[in-house]
Amino acid sequence: MNWDQIEGNWKQLKGKAQAKWGDITDDEWHSAEGRREQLVGLVQEKYGHAKETAEREVDEWMRGI
């Protein structure tokens, strides 16, 4: 699945993302709307990861869905 597909199916995929990153609020999920950079930024901010770590975590999640 690529990021265009994730954006298009965000309502369905958001639940899987919420299960992985439970500290992100509903409003923040809504603002991300499946966009990779916004999701990386949220993971970075909420979990204190370096940008590269957050990118790797998000990409690994994407490959697993």
Protein backbone atom coordinates (compact mmCIF):
# COMPACT_ATOMS: atom_id res chain seq x y z
CA MET A 1 0.00 0.00 0.00
CA ASN A 2 1.32 3.46 -0.84
CA TRP A 3 0.58 6.80 0.81
CA ASP A 4 -1.97 7.82 -1.82
CA GLN A 5 -3.95 4.70 -0.93
CA ILE A 6 -3.55 5.37 2.77
CA GLU A 7 -4.88 8.91 2.36
CA GLY A 8 -7.83 7.60 0.34
CA ASN A 9 -8.65 4.93 2.93
CA TRP A 10 -7.72 6.93 6.00
CA LYS A 11 -11.06 6.50 7.78
CA GLN A 12 -10.64 2.73 7.66
CA LEU A 13 -6.91 2.72 8.46
CA LYS A 14 -7.04 5.27 11.25
CA GLY A 15 -8.14 2.59 13.72
CA LYS A 16 -5.02 0.54 13.04
CA ALA A 17 -2.87 3.62 13.50
CA GLN A 18 -4.67 4.50 16.74
CA ALA A 19 -4.00 0.99 18.07
CA LYS A 20 -0.27 1.51 17.51
CA TRP A 21 0.01 5.13 18.66
CA GLY A 22 -2.64 5.53 21.35
CA ASP A 23 -1.32 8.81 22.73
CA ILE A 24 -2.33 10.73 19.61
CA THR A 25 -5.71 12.43 20.05
CA ASP A 26 -8.72 12.16 17.74
CA ASP A 27 -8.28 15.78 16.69
CA GLU A 28 -4.66 15.14 15.79
CA TRP A 29 -5.64 12.04 13.78
CA HIS A 30 -8.22 14.11 11.96
CA SER A 31 -5.67 16.79 11.09
CA ALA A 32 -3.17 14.21 9.79
CA GLU A 33 -5.72 12.66 7.40
CA GLY A 34 -3.27 9.96 6.32
CA ARG A 35 -0.51 12.29 5.21
CA ARG A 36 2.89 10.79 5.94
CA GLU A 37 4.70 13.94 7.03
CA GLN A 38 1.95 14.91 9.47
CA LEU A 39 1.89 11.40 10.92
CA VAL A 40 5.68 11.38 11.28
CA GLY A 41 5.47 14.76 13.05
CA LEU A 42 2.82 13.50 15.46
CA VAL A 43 4.81 10.37 16.32
CA GLN A 44 7.92 12.49 16.76
CA GLU A 45 6.14 14.98 19.03
CA LYS A 46 4.10 12.55 21.14
CA TYR A 47 6.78 9.93 21.66
CA GLY A 48 9.91 12.07 21.64
CA HIS A 49 11.51 10.23 18.74
CA ALA A 50 14.08 11.71 16.41
CA LYS A 51 12.70 12.43 12.95
CA GLU A 52 14.53 9.46 11.41
CA THR A 53 13.19 7.10 14.07
CA ALA A 54 9.63 8.39 13.62
CA GLU A 55 9.93 8.03 9.84
CA ARG A 56 11.17 4.46 10.17
CA GLU A 57 8.37 3.59 12.62
CA VAL A 58 5.68 5.06 10.36
CA ASP A 59 7.11 3.33 7.28
CA GLU A 60 7.23 -0.02 9.11
CA TRP A 61 3.58 0.46 10.15
CA MET A 62 2.65 1.26 6.55
CA ARG A 63 4.30 -1.92 5.26
CA GLY A 64 2.41 -3.97 7.84
CA ILE A 65 -1.07 -2.86 6.82
